[in-house]
PDB file of N, CA and C in Angstrom:
ATOM      1  N   UNK A   1     323.272 323.089  96.676  1.00  0.00           N
ATOM      2  CA  UNK A   1     323.307 322.969  95.172  1.00  0.00           C
ATOM      3  C   UNK A   1     322.323 321.903  94.584  1.00  0.00           C
ATOM      4  N   UNK A   2     321.490 322.090  94.311  1.00  0.00           N
ATOM      5  CA  UNK A   2     320.106 321.467  94.396  1.00  0.00           C
ATOM      6  C   UNK A   2     319.441 322.018  92.578  1.00  0.00           C
ATOM      7  N   UNK A   3     319.559 320.633  91.669  1.00  0.00           N
ATOM      8  CA  UNK A   3     318.350 320.958  91.076  1.00  0.00           C
ATOM      9  C   UNK A   3     317.168 320.794  90.013  1.00  0.00           C
ATOM     10  N   UNK A   4     316.202 321.356  90.419  1.00  0.00           N
ATOM     11  CA  UNK A   4     315.049 319.699  90.302  1.00  0.00           C
ATOM     12  C   UNK A   4     315.104 319.566  88.594  1.00  0.00           C
ATOM     13  N   UNK A   5     313.749 318.622  88.391  1.00  0.00           N
ATOM     14  CA  UNK A   5     313.106 318.347  86.870  1.00  0.00           C
ATOM     15  C   UNK A   5     312.129 319.346  86.006  1.00  0.00           C
ATOM     16  N   UNK A   6     311.478 320.395  87.503  1.00  0.00           N
ATOM     17  CA  UNK A   6     310.707 321.121  87.305  1.00  0.00           C
ATOM     18  C   UNK A   6     311.278 323.185  87.078  1.00  0.00           C
ATOM     19  N   UNK A   7     312.094 322.747  86.459  1.00  0.00           N
ATOM     20  CA  UNK A   7     313.179 324.254  86.521  1.00  0.00           C
ATOM     21  C   UNK A   7     313.299 325.167  87.316  1.00  0.00           C
ATOM     22  N   UNK A   8     313.805 324.725  88.924  1.00  0.00           N
ATOM     23  CA  UNK A   8     314.068 325.612  89.718  1.00  0.00           C
ATOM     24  C   UNK A   8     315.302 324.422  90.456  1.00  0.00           C
ATOM     25  N   UNK A   9     316.147 325.308  91.604  1.00  0.00           N
ATOM     26  CA  UNK A   9     316.904 325.089  91.877  1.00  0.00           C
ATOM     27  C   UNK A   9     317.464 326.468  92.727  1.00  0.00           C
ATOM     28  N   UNK A  10     318.585 325.006  94.238  1.00  0.00           N
ATOM     29  CA  UNK A  10     318.481 326.528  95.278  1.00  0.00           C
ATOM     30  C   UNK A  10     319.742 325.749  94.849  1.00  0.00           C
ATOM     31  N   UNK A  11     320.246 327.083  95.451  1.00  0.00           N
ATOM     32  CA  UNK A  11     321.968 327.439  95.244  1.00  0.00           C
ATOM     33  C   UNK A  11     322.372 328.346  96.759  1.00  0.00           C
ATOM     34  N   UNK A  12     322.886 327.779  97.181  1.00  0.00           N
ATOM     35  CA  UNK A  12     323.326 328.148  98.459  1.00  0.00           C
ATOM     36  C   UNK A  12     321.649 328.149  99.303  1.00  0.00           C
ATOM     37  N   UNK A  13     321.167 329.391  99.450  1.00  0.00           N
ATOM     38  CA  UNK A  13     320.105 328.626 100.336  1.00  0.00           C
ATOM     39  C   UNK A  13     319.808 330.283  99.665  1.00  0.00           C
ATOM     40  N   UNK A  14     319.339 330.429  98.238  1.00  0.00           N
ATOM     41  CA  UNK A  14     318.076 330.689  97.657  1.00  0.00           C
ATOM     42  C   UNK A  14     317.634 329.932  96.420  1.00  0.00           C
ATOM     43  N   UNK A  15     316.257 330.494  96.908  1.00  0.00           N
ATOM     44  CA  UNK A  15     316.185 329.641  95.378  1.00  0.00           C
ATOM     45  C   UNK A  15     315.604 330.495  94.231  1.00  0.00           C
ATOM     46  N   UNK A  16     315.608 329.770  92.816  1.00  0.00           N
ATOM     47  CA  UNK A  16     315.764 330.367  91.175  1.00  0.00           C
ATOM     48  C   UNK A  16     315.552 329.695  90.598  1.00  0.00           C
ATOM     49  N   UNK A  17     315.678 329.975  89.012  1.00  0.00           N
ATOM     50  CA  UNK A  17     314.820 329.351  88.027  1.00  0.00           C
ATOM     51  C   UNK A  17     315.995 329.111  87.181  1.00  0.00           C
ATOM     52  N   UNK A  18     316.050 328.058  86.336  1.00  0.00           N
ATOM     53  CA  UNK A  18     317.310 327.870  85.755  1.00  0.00           C
ATOM     54  C   UNK A  18     317.176 327.125  84.457  1.00  0.00           C
ATOM     55  N   UNK A  19     318.179 327.430  83.923  1.00  0.00           N
ATOM     56  CA  UNK A  19     317.337 326.985  81.800  1.00  0.00           C
ATOM     57  C   UNK A  19     319.097 327.056  81.783  1.00  0.00           C
ATOM     58  N   UNK A  20     319.782 324.911  81.344  1.00  0.00           N
ATOM     59  CA  UNK A  20     320.554 324.985  81.126  1.00  0.00           C
ATOM     60  C   UNK A  20     320.733 324.750  79.340  1.00  0.00           C
ATOM     61  N   UNK A  21     322.001 325.091  78.428  1.00  0.00           N
ATOM     62  CA  UNK A  21     321.625 325.146  77.257  1.00  0.00           C
ATOM     63  C   UNK A  21     323.085 324.697  77.183  1.00  0.00           C
ATOM     64  N   UNK A  22     323.509 324.302  76.075  1.00  0.00           N
ATOM     65  CA  UNK A  22     324.610 323.314  76.069  1.00  0.00           C
ATOM     66  C   UNK A  22     325.720 323.395  77.375  1.00  0.00           C
ATOM     67  N   UNK A  23     326.805 324.665  76.994  1.00  0.00           N
ATOM     68  CA  UNK A  23     327.921 324.436  78.221  1.00  0.00           C
ATOM     69  C   UNK A  23     327.744 326.364  79.109  1.00  0.00           C
ATOM     70  N   UNK A  24     326.750 325.617  79.144  1.00  0.00           N
ATOM     71  CA  UNK A  24     325.762 327.234  79.537  1.00  0.00           C
ATOM     72  C   UNK A  24     324.181 326.548  80.903  1.00  0.00           C
ATOM     73  N   UNK A  25     324.261 326.991  82.306  1.00  0.00           N
ATOM     74  CA  UNK A  25     323.777 327.649  82.848  1.00  0.00           C
ATOM     75  C   UNK A  25     323.544 328.960  83.356  1.00  0.00           C
ATOM     76  N   UNK A  26     322.023 329.302  82.506  1.00  0.00           N
ATOM     77  CA  UNK A  26     321.531 330.200  83.471  1.00  0.00           C
ATOM     78  C   UNK A  26     320.561 330.787  84.543  1.00  0.00           C
ATOM     79  N   UNK A  27     320.504 332.097  85.037  1.00  0.00           N
ATOM     80  CA  UNK A  27     319.613 331.732  87.239  1.00  0.00           C
ATOM     81  C   UNK A  27     318.797 332.627  86.986  1.00  0.00           C
ATOM     82  N   UNK A  28     317.941 332.815  87.408  1.00  0.00           N
ATOM     83  CA  UNK A  28     317.311 334.349  87.284  1.00  0.00           C
ATOM     84  C   UNK A  28     316.515 333.602  88.596  1.00  0.00           C
ATOM     85  N   UNK A  29     316.064 334.740  89.670  1.00  0.00           N
ATOM     86  CA  UNK A  29     315.211 334.786  90.348  1.00  0.00           C
ATOM     87  C   UNK A  29     313.803 334.517  89.677  1.00  0.00           C
ATOM     88  N   UNK A  30     313.367 334.900  88.546  1.00  0.00           N
ATOM     89  CA  UNK A  30     311.669 334.581  88.299  1.00  0.00           C
ATOM     90  C   UNK A  30     312.252 333.956  86.574  1.00  0.00           C
ATOM     91  N   UNK A  31     311.364 333.286  85.944  1.00  0.00           N
ATOM     92  CA  UNK A  31     311.702 332.886  84.765  1.00  0.00           C
ATOM     93  C   UNK A  31     312.228 334.360  84.028  1.00  0.00           C
ATOM     94  N   UNK A  32     311.325 335.155  84.126  1.00  0.00           N
ATOM     95  CA  UNK A  32     312.241 336.799  83.120  1.00  0.00           C
ATOM     96  C   UNK A  32     313.292 337.086  83.521  1.00  0.00           C
ATOM     97  N   UNK A  33     313.545 336.469  84.605  1.00  0.00           N
ATOM     98  CA  UNK A  33     314.803 337.754  84.543  1.00  0.00           C
ATOM     99  C   UNK A  33     315.918 336.832  84.993  1.00  0.00           C
ATOM    100  N   UNK A  34     315.842 335.225  83.661  1.00  0.00           N
ATOM    101  CA  UNK A  34     316.958 334.413  84.334  1.00  0.00           C
ATOM    102  C   UNK A  34     317.897 335.001  83.397  1.00  0.00           C
ATOM    103  N   UNK A  35     319.683 334.663  83.483  1.00  0.00           N
ATOM    104  CA  UNK A  35     320.729 335.326  83.228  1.00  0.00           C
ATOM    105  C   UNK A  35     321.242 334.090  82.620  1.00  0.00           C
ATOM    106  N   UNK A  36     323.041 334.454  82.048  1.00  0.00           N
ATOM    107  CA  UNK A  36     324.223 333.074  81.851  1.00  0.00           C
ATOM    108  C   UNK A  36     324.851 333.424  83.507  1.00  0.00           C
ATOM    109  N   UNK A  37     325.022 333.318  84.181  1.00  0.00           N
ATOM    110  CA  UNK A  37     325.922 332.346  85.500  1.00  0.00           C
ATOM    111  C   UNK A  37     326.718 331.578  85.987  1.00  0.00           C
ATOM    112  N   UNK A  38     326.861 330.929  85.172  1.00  0.00           N
ATOM    113  CA  UNK A  38     327.326 329.548  84.832  1.00  0.00           C
ATOM    114  C   UNK A  38     328.032 328.943  84.179  1.00  0.00           C
ATOM    115  N   UNK A  39     329.415 328.007  83.865  1.00  0.00           N
ATOM    116  CA  UNK A  39     329.542 327.646  83.029  1.00  0.00           C
ATOM    117  C   UNK A  39     329.413 326.426  82.995  1.00  0.00           C
ATOM    118  N   UNK A  40     329.662 325.085  82.527  1.00  0.00           N
ATOM    119  CA  UNK A  40     329.846 323.695  82.542  1.00  0.00           C
ATOM    120  C   UNK A  40     330.627 323.579  81.910  1.00  0.00           C
ATOM    121  N   UNK A  41     331.909 322.800  82.788  1.00  0.00           N
ATOM    122  CA  UNK A  41     333.079 323.119  82.103  1.00  0.00           C
ATOM    123  C   UNK A  41     332.602 321.017  82.612  1.00  0.00           C
ATOM    124  N   UNK A  42     331.645 320.534  83.617  1.00  0.00           N
ATOM    125  CA  UNK A  42     332.510 318.503  82.672  1.00  0.00           C
ATOM    126  C   UNK A  42     330.822 318.347  82.890  1.00  0.00           C
ATOM    127  N   UNK A  43     330.748 317.148  82.642  1.00  0.00           N
ATOM    128  CA  UNK A  43     328.903 317.051  82.345  1.00  0.00           C
ATOM    129  C   UNK A  43     329.168 315.079  82.077  1.00  0.00           C
ATOM    130  N   UNK A  44     328.753 313.939  83.414  1.00  0.00           N
ATOM    131  CA  UNK A  44     327.798 313.203  83.344  1.00  0.00           C
ATOM    132  C   UNK A  44     326.858 312.774  83.788  1.00  0.00           C
ATOM    133  N   UNK A  45     326.433 311.234  83.353  1.00  0.00           N
ATOM    134  CA  UNK A  45     325.636 310.735  84.018  1.00  0.00           C
ATOM    135  C   UNK A  45     325.304 311.673  85.312  1.00  0.00           C
ATOM    136  N   UNK A  46     325.894 311.496  85.739  1.00  0.00           N
ATOM    137  CA  UNK A  46     326.055 311.643  87.531  1.00  0.00           C
ATOM    138  C   UNK A  46     327.097 312.649  89.076  1.00  0.00           C
ATOM    139  N   UNK A  47     327.416 313.113  87.670  1.00  0.00           N
ATOM    140  CA  UNK A  47     328.665 314.075  88.072  1.00  0.00           C
ATOM    141  C   UNK A  47     328.576 315.549  87.839  1.00  0.00           C
ATOM    142  N   UNK A  48     329.084 316.776  87.378  1.00  0.00           N
ATOM    143  CA  UNK A  48     328.879 318.344  86.636  1.00  0.00           C
ATOM    144  C   UNK A  48     329.746 318.919  87.707  1.00  0.00           C
ATOM    145  N   UNK A  49     330.465 319.711  87.080  1.00  0.00           N
ATOM    146  CA  UNK A  49     331.282 320.914  87.356  1.00  0.00           C
ATOM    147  C   UNK A  49     331.092 321.962  86.555  1.00  0.00           C
ATOM    148  N   UNK A  50     330.665 322.936  87.919  1.00  0.00           N
ATOM    149  CA  UNK A  50     330.007 323.900  87.235  1.00  0.00           C
ATOM    150  C   UNK A  50     331.018 324.949  87.840  1.00  0.00           C
ATOM    151  N   UNK A  51     331.680 326.354  86.561  1.00  0.00           N
ATOM    152  CA  UNK A  51     331.776 327.568  87.264  1.00  0.00           C
ATOM    153  C   UNK A  51     331.096 328.546  86.863  1.00  0.00           C
ATOM    154  N   UNK A  52     330.683 329.685  88.616  1.00  0.00           N
ATOM    155  CA  UNK A  52     330.696 330.473  88.404  1.00  0.00           C
ATOM    156  C   UNK A  52     331.178 331.797  87.863  1.00  0.00           C
ATOM    157  N   UNK A  53     330.589 332.300  86.403  1.00  0.00           N
ATOM    158  CA  UNK A  53     331.317 333.422  85.893  1.00  0.00           C
ATOM    159  C   UNK A  53     331.929 334.796  86.310  1.00  0.00           C
ATOM    160  N   UNK A  54     331.247 335.027  87.445  1.00  0.00           N
ATOM    161  CA  UNK A  54     331.716 336.779  88.644  1.00  0.00           C
ATOM    162  C   UNK A  54     332.984 336.465  89.325  1.00  0.00           C
ATOM    163  N   UNK A  55     333.124 335.081  90.031  1.00  0.00           N
ATOM    164  CA  UNK A  55     334.762 334.817  90.674  1.00  0.00           C
ATOM    165  C   UNK A  55     335.111 333.645  90.558  1.00  0.00           C
ATOM    166  N   UNK A  56     334.684 332.447  89.279  1.00  0.00           N
ATOM    167  CA  UNK A  56     335.771 332.039  88.784  1.00  0.00           C
ATOM    168  C   UNK A  56     336.005 330.281  89.538  1.00  0.00           C
ATOM    169  N   UNK A  57     334.674 330.349  90.465  1.00  0.00           N
ATOM    170  CA  UNK A  57     334.610 329.772  91.660  1.00  0.00           C
ATOM    171  C   UNK A  57     334.506 328.155  90.262  1.00  0.00           C
ATOM    172  N   UNK A  58     334.744 327.323  91.643  1.00  0.00           N
ATOM    173  CA  UNK A  58     334.402 325.482  90.888  1.00  0.00           C
ATOM    174  C   UNK A  58     333.475 325.052  91.579  1.00  0.00           C
ATOM    175  N   UNK A  59     332.645 324.707  91.597  1.00  0.00           N
ATOM    176  CA  UNK A  59     331.353 323.693  92.244  1.00  0.00           C
ATOM    177  C   UNK A  59     331.550 322.478  91.362  1.00  0.00           C
ATOM    178  N   UNK A  60     332.049 320.706  92.286  1.00  0.00           N
ATOM    179  CA  UNK A  60     331.988 319.538  91.881  1.00  0.00           C
ATOM    180  C   UNK A  60     330.804 319.005  92.472  1.00  0.00           C
ATOM    181  N   UNK A  61     329.497 318.291  91.536  1.00  0.00           N
ATOM    182  CA  UNK A  61     328.163 318.107  92.021  1.00  0.00           C
ATOM    183  C   UNK A  61     328.353 316.246  91.364  1.00  0.00           C
ATOM    184  N   UNK A  62     327.409 315.755  92.396  1.00  0.00           N
ATOM    185  CA  UNK A  62     326.893 314.584  91.804  1.00  0.00           C
ATOM    186  C   UNK A  62     325.783 313.892  92.264  1.00  0.00           C
ATOM    187  N   UNK A  63     325.587 313.538  91.939  1.00  0.00           N
ATOM    188  CA  UNK A  63     324.323 312.969  91.900  1.00  0.00           C
ATOM    189  C   UNK A  63     323.506 312.080  92.749  1.00  0.00           C
ATOM    190  N   UNK A  64     322.765 312.573  93.203  1.00  0.00           N
ATOM    191  CA  UNK A  64     321.454 311.702  94.720  1.00  0.00           C
ATOM    192  C   UNK A  64     320.667 312.043  94.279  1.00  0.00           C
ATOM    193  N   UNK A  65     319.972 310.503  94.889  1.00  0.00           N
ATOM    194  CA  UNK A  65     318.869 310.583  94.306  1.00  0.00           C
ATOM    195  C   UNK A  65     317.545 309.884  95.279  1.00  0.00           C
TER     196      UNK A  65
END
């Protein structure tokens, strides 16, 4: 997964748009189709754990420069 400052992201091999608010991460194929897809379980300046709501699968991410 890759999240960019311009509001776009790469999840798997799919380019998407995203918005994050509190503990919710919403994604979509366009800015108009963004919907709630992931829960932010854990967040620090250098790491984040996401839970995909459809599958309940956890993803542990680390910030890279």
